[in-house]
Each structure stands twice: as structure tokens, then as C-alpha cells.
N, C-alpha and C. Protein backbone atom coordinates (compact mmCIF):
# COMPACT_ATOMS: atom_id res chain seq x y z
N UNK A 1 -7.43 2.28 10.30
CA UNK A 1 -6.00 2.61 11.36
C UNK A 1 -5.65 4.05 10.56
N UNK A 2 -5.26 4.77 11.38
CA UNK A 2 -4.58 6.08 10.66
C UNK A 2 -3.25 5.79 10.48
N UNK A 3 -2.68 5.97 9.51
CA UNK A 3 -0.98 6.11 9.61
C UNK A 3 -0.26 6.75 10.10
N UNK A 4 0.27 6.67 11.48
CA UNK A 4 1.05 7.56 12.13
C UNK A 4 2.62 7.28 11.84
N UNK A 5 2.92 6.04 12.11
CA UNK A 5 4.33 5.59 11.77
C UNK A 5 4.72 4.81 10.86
N UNK A 6 6.02 5.24 9.75
CA UNK A 6 6.17 4.72 8.65
C UNK A 6 7.88 4.22 8.83
N UNK A 7 8.12 2.98 8.27
CA UNK A 7 9.32 2.47 8.68
C UNK A 7 9.57 2.84 6.90
N UNK A 8 10.49 3.24 6.56
CA UNK A 8 11.64 3.37 5.42
C UNK A 8 12.84 2.37 5.41
N UNK A 9 12.68 1.10 4.62
CA UNK A 9 13.68 0.49 4.13
C UNK A 9 14.50 0.95 2.94
N UNK A 10 15.68 1.16 3.27
CA UNK A 10 16.15 1.50 1.94
C UNK A 10 17.91 1.81 1.82
N UNK A 11 18.83 1.31 1.32
CA UNK A 11 19.96 1.64 1.73
C UNK A 11 20.75 2.63 1.14
N UNK A 12 19.87 3.49 0.42
CA UNK A 12 20.74 4.88 0.13
C UNK A 12 20.47 5.92 0.92
N UNK A 13 21.33 6.61 1.48
CA UNK A 13 21.24 7.38 2.56
C UNK A 13 20.72 8.50 1.87
N UNK A 14 20.76 9.03 0.66
CA UNK A 14 20.09 9.98 0.15
C UNK A 14 18.57 9.98 0.27
N UNK A 15 18.04 8.93 -0.45
CA UNK A 15 16.57 8.41 -0.26
C UNK A 15 15.95 8.30 1.14
N UNK A 16 16.88 8.05 1.86
CA UNK A 16 16.13 7.52 3.09
C UNK A 16 16.22 9.06 3.88
N UNK A 17 16.80 10.12 3.37
CA UNK A 17 17.07 11.87 4.29
C UNK A 17 16.08 12.27 3.72
N UNK A 18 15.52 12.17 1.85
CA UNK A 18 14.53 12.82 1.28
C UNK A 18 13.46 12.22 1.85
N UNK A 19 12.91 11.26 1.81
CA UNK A 19 11.65 10.48 2.72
C UNK A 19 11.27 11.15 4.16
N UNK A 20 12.85 10.90 4.74
CA UNK A 20 12.43 11.47 6.37
C UNK A 20 11.89 12.91 6.08
N UNK A 21 12.41 13.91 5.62
CA UNK A 21 11.85 15.24 5.23
C UNK A 21 10.83 15.60 4.82
N UNK A 22 10.29 14.53 3.75
CA UNK A 22 9.31 14.85 3.29
C UNK A 22 7.91 14.16 4.25
N UNK A 23 7.97 13.04 4.59
CA UNK A 23 7.06 12.49 5.43
C UNK A 23 6.90 13.08 6.88
N UNK A 24 8.04 13.65 7.60
CA UNK A 24 8.09 14.18 8.57
C UNK A 24 7.54 15.85 8.43
N UNK A 25 7.10 16.44 7.29
CA UNK A 25 6.74 17.34 7.77
C UNK A 25 5.39 17.02 7.52
N UNK A 26 4.93 16.03 6.92
CA UNK A 26 3.53 15.75 6.44
C UNK A 26 2.91 15.36 8.01
N UNK A 27 3.58 15.17 9.06
CA UNK A 27 3.31 14.71 10.60
C UNK A 27 3.44 13.63 10.40
N UNK A 28 4.16 12.44 10.07
CA UNK A 28 4.48 11.07 10.38
C UNK A 28 5.61 11.09 11.22
N UNK A 29 5.80 9.79 11.81
CA UNK A 29 6.79 9.57 12.45
C UNK A 29 7.47 8.60 11.66
N UNK A 30 8.76 8.86 11.45
CA UNK A 30 9.86 8.09 10.76
C UNK A 30 10.91 7.23 11.55
N UNK A 31 10.55 6.08 10.74
CA UNK A 31 11.74 5.13 11.37
C UNK A 31 12.42 4.79 10.42
N UNK A 32 14.05 4.32 10.19
CA UNK A 32 14.59 3.96 8.80
C UNK A 32 15.42 2.60 9.29
N UNK A 33 15.31 1.84 8.43
CA UNK A 33 16.35 0.69 8.25
C UNK A 33 17.31 0.81 6.83
N UNK A 34 18.44 0.18 7.32
CA UNK A 34 19.39 0.61 5.95
C UNK A 34 19.34 -0.70 4.53
N UNK A 35 18.76 -1.82 5.42
CA UNK A 35 19.02 -2.95 4.68
C UNK A 35 17.53 -4.20 4.76
N UNK A 36 17.27 -4.81 3.98
CA UNK A 36 16.50 -5.88 4.65
C UNK A 36 16.29 -6.50 5.79
N UNK A 37 17.30 -6.63 5.82
CA UNK A 37 17.93 -7.75 7.39
C UNK A 37 16.80 -6.39 8.18
N UNK A 38 17.48 -5.72 8.47
CA UNK A 38 17.05 -4.62 9.18
C UNK A 38 15.87 -4.35 9.27
N UNK A 39 15.24 -4.19 8.28
CA UNK A 39 14.24 -3.98 8.01
C UNK A 39 12.63 -5.00 8.58
N UNK A 40 13.30 -6.07 8.50
CA UNK A 40 12.61 -6.99 8.89
C UNK A 40 12.39 -6.81 10.71
N UNK A 41 13.96 -7.00 11.21
CA UNK A 41 13.98 -6.73 12.91
C UNK A 41 13.13 -5.60 13.26
N UNK A 42 13.30 -4.19 12.40
CA UNK A 42 12.85 -2.86 13.22
C UNK A 42 11.02 -3.21 12.72
N UNK A 43 10.32 -3.69 11.92
CA UNK A 43 8.94 -3.99 11.39
C UNK A 43 8.51 -4.69 12.72
N UNK A 44 9.07 -5.61 13.56
CA UNK A 44 8.83 -6.39 14.59
C UNK A 44 8.99 -5.28 16.16
N UNK A 45 9.97 -4.89 16.22
CA UNK A 45 10.59 -4.01 16.85
C UNK A 45 9.75 -2.35 17.11
N UNK A 46 9.54 -1.96 15.91
CA UNK A 46 8.50 -0.70 16.18
C UNK A 46 7.28 -0.83 15.96
N UNK A 47 7.05 -2.15 15.17
CA UNK A 47 5.32 -2.16 14.61
C UNK A 47 4.64 -0.83 14.02
N UNK A 48 5.46 -0.45 12.53
CA UNK A 48 5.11 0.72 11.97
C UNK A 48 3.58 0.55 11.31
N UNK A 49 2.88 1.74 10.96
CA UNK A 49 1.76 1.40 10.45
C UNK A 49 1.74 1.00 8.99
N UNK A 50 2.89 1.81 8.48
CA UNK A 50 3.36 1.24 7.05
C UNK A 50 4.61 1.07 6.69
N UNK A 51 4.92 0.12 5.57
CA UNK A 51 6.44 0.43 5.29
C UNK A 51 6.91 0.63 3.91
N UNK A 52 7.58 1.39 3.84
CA UNK A 52 7.92 1.68 2.72
C UNK A 52 9.44 1.35 2.26
N UNK A 53 9.40 0.03 0.85
CA UNK A 53 10.83 -0.70 1.09
C UNK A 53 11.40 -0.76 -0.39
N UNK A 54 12.63 -0.37 -0.04
CA UNK A 54 13.30 -0.48 -1.73
C UNK A 54 13.27 -1.76 -1.91
N UNK A 55 14.14 -2.26 -3.22
CA UNK A 55 13.78 -3.98 -3.50
C UNK A 55 15.70 -4.25 -3.61
N UNK A 56 16.34 -3.17 -4.33
CA UNK A 56 17.87 -3.22 -4.88
C UNK A 56 18.53 -3.02 -3.50
N UNK A 57 18.90 -4.13 -2.28
CA UNK A 57 19.81 -3.65 -1.01
C UNK A 57 20.70 -4.76 -1.04
N UNK A 58 22.05 -4.69 -0.66
CA UNK A 58 22.73 -5.43 -0.17
C UNK A 58 22.00 -6.96 0.81
N UNK A 59 22.64 -7.87 0.73
CA UNK A 59 22.12 -9.05 1.74
C UNK A 59 20.50 -9.53 1.33
N UNK A 60 19.69 -9.33 2.37
CA UNK A 60 18.24 -9.53 2.10
C UNK A 60 17.79 -8.43 1.22
N UNK A 61 17.19 -9.04 -0.08
CA UNK A 61 16.61 -8.07 -1.27
C UNK A 61 15.20 -7.61 -0.49
N UNK A 62 14.66 -6.55 -1.14
CA UNK A 62 13.15 -6.21 -0.51
C UNK A 62 12.18 -7.12 -0.95
N UNK A 63 12.31 -7.81 -2.15
CA UNK A 63 11.67 -8.75 -2.30
C UNK A 63 11.37 -9.69 -1.09
N UNK A 64 12.48 -10.49 -0.76
CA UNK A 64 12.95 -11.41 0.46
C UNK A 64 12.20 -10.64 1.67
N UNK A 65 12.85 -9.46 1.98
CA UNK A 65 12.18 -8.70 3.23
C UNK A 65 10.74 -8.42 3.21
N UNK A 66 9.95 -8.62 2.25
CA UNK A 66 8.94 -8.39 2.23
C UNK A 66 7.94 -9.45 2.01
N UNK A 67 8.57 -10.45 1.55
CA UNK A 67 8.06 -11.92 1.93
C UNK A 67 7.98 -12.38 3.43
N UNK A 68 9.07 -12.16 4.06
CA UNK A 68 9.42 -12.23 5.59
C UNK A 68 8.59 -11.87 6.18
N UNK A 69 8.15 -10.24 6.29
CA UNK A 69 7.30 -9.71 7.04
C UNK A 69 5.88 -9.94 6.59
N UNK A 70 5.48 -10.20 5.31
CA UNK A 70 3.96 -10.22 5.31
C UNK A 70 3.79 -11.82 5.76
N UNK A 71 4.57 -12.61 5.80
CA UNK A 71 3.79 -13.92 6.06
C UNK A 71 4.48 -14.25 7.78
N UNK A 72 4.63 -13.27 8.23
CA UNK A 72 5.07 -13.60 10.03
C UNK A 72 3.81 -12.73 10.66
N UNK A 73 3.14 -14.02 11.52
CA UNK A 73 2.18 -13.65 12.08
C UNK A 73 2.37 -12.23 12.85
N UNK A 74 3.45 -11.59 13.15
CA UNK A 74 3.39 -10.49 14.25
C UNK A 74 3.44 -9.25 13.38
N UNK A 75 3.87 -9.29 11.83
CA UNK A 75 4.19 -8.22 11.29
C UNK A 75 2.96 -8.42 10.00
N UNK A 76 2.54 -9.32 9.76
CA UNK A 76 1.39 -9.25 8.31
C UNK A 76 0.64 -8.69 7.97
N UNK A 77 -0.08 -7.81 9.11
CA UNK A 77 -1.08 -6.81 8.91
C UNK A 77 -0.61 -5.61 8.55
N UNK A 78 1.13 -5.68 8.27
CA UNK A 78 1.39 -4.00 7.91
C UNK A 78 1.58 -3.98 6.38
N UNK A 79 0.75 -2.97 6.08
CA UNK A 79 0.78 -2.67 4.46
C UNK A 79 2.33 -2.20 4.06
N UNK A 80 2.96 -2.59 3.03
CA UNK A 80 3.84 -2.39 2.63
C UNK A 80 3.83 -2.25 0.99
N UNK A 81 4.80 -0.67 0.71
CA UNK A 81 4.89 0.08 -0.60
C UNK A 81 5.92 -0.12 -0.95
N UNK A 82 5.69 -1.09 -2.24
CA UNK A 82 7.48 -1.15 -2.59
C UNK A 82 8.00 0.00 -3.66
N UNK A 83 9.40 0.60 -3.06
CA UNK A 83 9.50 1.73 -3.55
C UNK A 83 10.77 1.13 -4.29
N UNK A 84 11.21 1.35 -5.62
CA UNK A 84 12.43 0.98 -6.27
C UNK A 84 12.44 1.32 -7.71
N UNK A 85 13.71 1.53 -8.26
CA UNK A 85 13.98 1.47 -9.55
C UNK A 85 13.40 0.65 -10.79
N UNK A 86 13.01 -0.71 -9.89
CA UNK A 86 12.97 -1.52 -10.89
C UNK A 86 11.72 -1.48 -11.88
N UNK A 87 11.44 -0.89 -12.72
CA UNK A 87 10.07 -0.55 -13.30
C UNK A 87 9.17 -1.29 -14.40
N UNK A 88 10.06 -2.88 -14.37
CA UNK A 88 9.32 -3.77 -15.61
C UNK A 88 7.98 -4.16 -14.72
N UNK A 89 7.12 -4.24 -15.57
CA UNK A 89 6.03 -5.21 -15.13
C UNK A 89 5.96 -6.50 -14.36
N UNK A 90 6.65 -7.30 -14.82
CA UNK A 90 7.31 -8.25 -14.16
C UNK A 90 8.09 -8.35 -12.64
N UNK A 91 8.48 -7.10 -12.39
CA UNK A 91 9.18 -6.69 -11.14
C UNK A 91 7.83 -6.25 -10.27
N UNK A 92 7.03 -5.56 -10.73
CA UNK A 92 6.08 -5.25 -10.40
C UNK A 92 4.68 -6.66 -9.78
N UNK A 93 4.91 -7.08 -10.30
CA UNK A 93 3.94 -8.50 -9.99
C UNK A 93 4.75 -8.95 -9.53
N UNK A 94 5.84 -9.81 -9.22
CA UNK A 94 6.53 -10.46 -8.47
C UNK A 94 6.46 -9.58 -6.90
N UNK A 95 6.66 -8.32 -7.04
CA UNK A 95 6.53 -7.78 -5.55
C UNK A 95 5.42 -7.96 -4.89
N UNK A 96 3.95 -7.56 -5.85
CA UNK A 96 3.04 -8.12 -5.01
C UNK A 96 2.63 -9.33 -4.70
N UNK A 97 3.14 -10.25 -5.71
CA UNK A 97 3.21 -11.84 -5.30
C UNK A 97 3.81 -11.88 -3.70
N UNK A 98 5.04 -11.13 -3.56
CA UNK A 98 5.42 -11.40 -2.40
C UNK A 98 4.73 -11.09 -0.92
N UNK A 99 3.66 -9.73 -1.11
CA UNK A 99 2.88 -9.89 -0.12
C UNK A 99 3.08 -8.06 0.12
N UNK A 100 3.50 -7.39 -1.41
CA UNK A 100 3.38 -5.76 -1.15
C UNK A 100 1.95 -5.35 -1.68
N UNK A 101 1.42 -4.38 -0.61
CA UNK A 101 0.61 -3.58 -0.81
C UNK A 101 0.51 -2.98 -2.07
N UNK A 102 1.07 -2.04 -2.69
CA UNK A 102 1.51 -1.24 -3.90
C UNK A 102 2.71 -1.43 -3.79
N UNK A 103 2.78 -0.50 -5.12
CA UNK A 103 4.40 -0.74 -6.03
C UNK A 103 4.56 0.11 -6.54
N UNK A 104 5.69 1.21 -6.32
CA UNK A 104 6.02 2.74 -6.99
C UNK A 104 7.29 2.72 -7.62
N UNK A 105 7.80 3.60 -9.01
CA UNK A 105 8.92 3.22 -9.21
C UNK A 105 9.51 4.46 -8.83
N UNK A 106 10.80 4.54 -8.58
CA UNK A 106 11.77 5.74 -8.40
C UNK A 106 12.05 6.59 -9.73
N UNK A 107 12.40 7.80 -9.73
CA UNK A 107 12.10 8.85 -8.65
C UNK A 107 10.75 8.70 -8.42
N UNK A 108 10.35 8.54 -6.70
CA UNK A 108 9.14 8.60 -6.44
C UNK A 108 8.68 10.34 -6.50
N UNK A 109 6.78 10.26 -6.93
CA UNK A 109 6.31 11.31 -7.19
C UNK A 109 5.81 11.22 -6.05
N UNK A 110 6.33 12.27 -4.99
CA UNK A 110 6.05 12.32 -3.45
C UNK A 110 4.28 12.46 -3.09
N UNK A 111 4.04 13.39 -4.20
CA UNK A 111 2.35 13.55 -4.03
C UNK A 111 1.68 12.32 -4.01
N UNK A 112 2.13 11.65 -4.95
CA UNK A 112 1.36 10.24 -5.44
C UNK A 112 1.47 9.43 -4.23
N UNK A 113 2.71 9.49 -3.75
CA UNK A 113 3.12 8.51 -2.36
C UNK A 113 1.97 8.70 -1.37
N UNK A 114 2.00 10.25 -1.29
CA UNK A 114 0.73 10.66 0.19
C UNK A 114 -0.29 10.22 0.05
N UNK A 115 -1.01 10.40 -1.45
CA UNK A 115 -1.76 9.88 -1.51
C UNK A 115 -2.39 8.52 -1.52
N UNK A 116 -1.32 7.98 -1.72
CA UNK A 116 -1.43 6.06 -1.75
C UNK A 116 -1.53 6.14 0.19
N UNK A 117 -0.52 6.84 0.68
CA UNK A 117 -0.69 6.68 2.09
C UNK A 117 -2.05 6.80 2.98
N UNK A 118 -2.55 8.26 2.36
CA UNK A 118 -3.81 8.29 3.37
C UNK A 118 -5.12 7.68 2.52
N UNK A 119 -4.89 6.65 1.26
CA UNK A 119 -5.68 5.96 1.00
C UNK A 119 -5.60 4.81 1.97
N UNK A 120 -4.52 4.33 2.34
CA UNK A 120 -4.73 2.78 3.36
C UNK A 120 -4.89 3.58 4.78
N UNK A 121 -4.69 4.69 5.03
CA UNK A 121 -5.13 5.16 6.64
C UNK A 121 -6.20 5.79 6.38
């Protein structure tokens, strides 16, 4: 299944803007959410092909949102790449245990991100 629509869940307007700019130029349709709760809602409403999920956010964090999305019948087949400044091995292991497909640390290597997206789709 080719990746066409990507949901970016990040509380940083700067991160969202940078990812919208980069992904749009690559031909992807980009939808955004400002926090984990909004990310869960939009994952159901928008049915994206991929979710890029920040971890450190107010309210529901990225781990909780990933767990919710990956365990919901409606959204569990949507791959999630966690994109976060949390760079400890235990953070990555925890993210993958919540249902993440992959894990990248910030600042993101956009070329590496693109390769991961292409590998999924």
C-alpha cells in the first residue's frame, strides 16, 4: 500500500511546519495534530497511511496515543513512526512495545525519514 497521506502529531509548531514543508514537496498529503488526544481523533477521522508521532506532548503523550491507536480495531493497521528527542535505548524499546513501527530521534534526518516512509509503502 503506497503511503499518500501522513498524519504529523507534534506539539511544536516549528516541527509541524518543517515536516509539512518537506513531506508536501515529496508529494505527500499532510494532516497535523497538536497533541496526542487530537492525534487519536484524527487517526480515526482522516485514516492516514502513516503517522509520525512525537512523544513529549501535554495531555496524552506520544506513547499513550500510539498505544491507543495501535490497539484500536479501526486504526491498528496504520504504521506509526515515533519522532522524538528521547534518545535512550529504553525510550525506543518502550515506544516499540506501545505499537510503534519505527523510532527516530530529533533532529530528524529527513532523507532517512523518507527512506523509512518508502520502505513502508
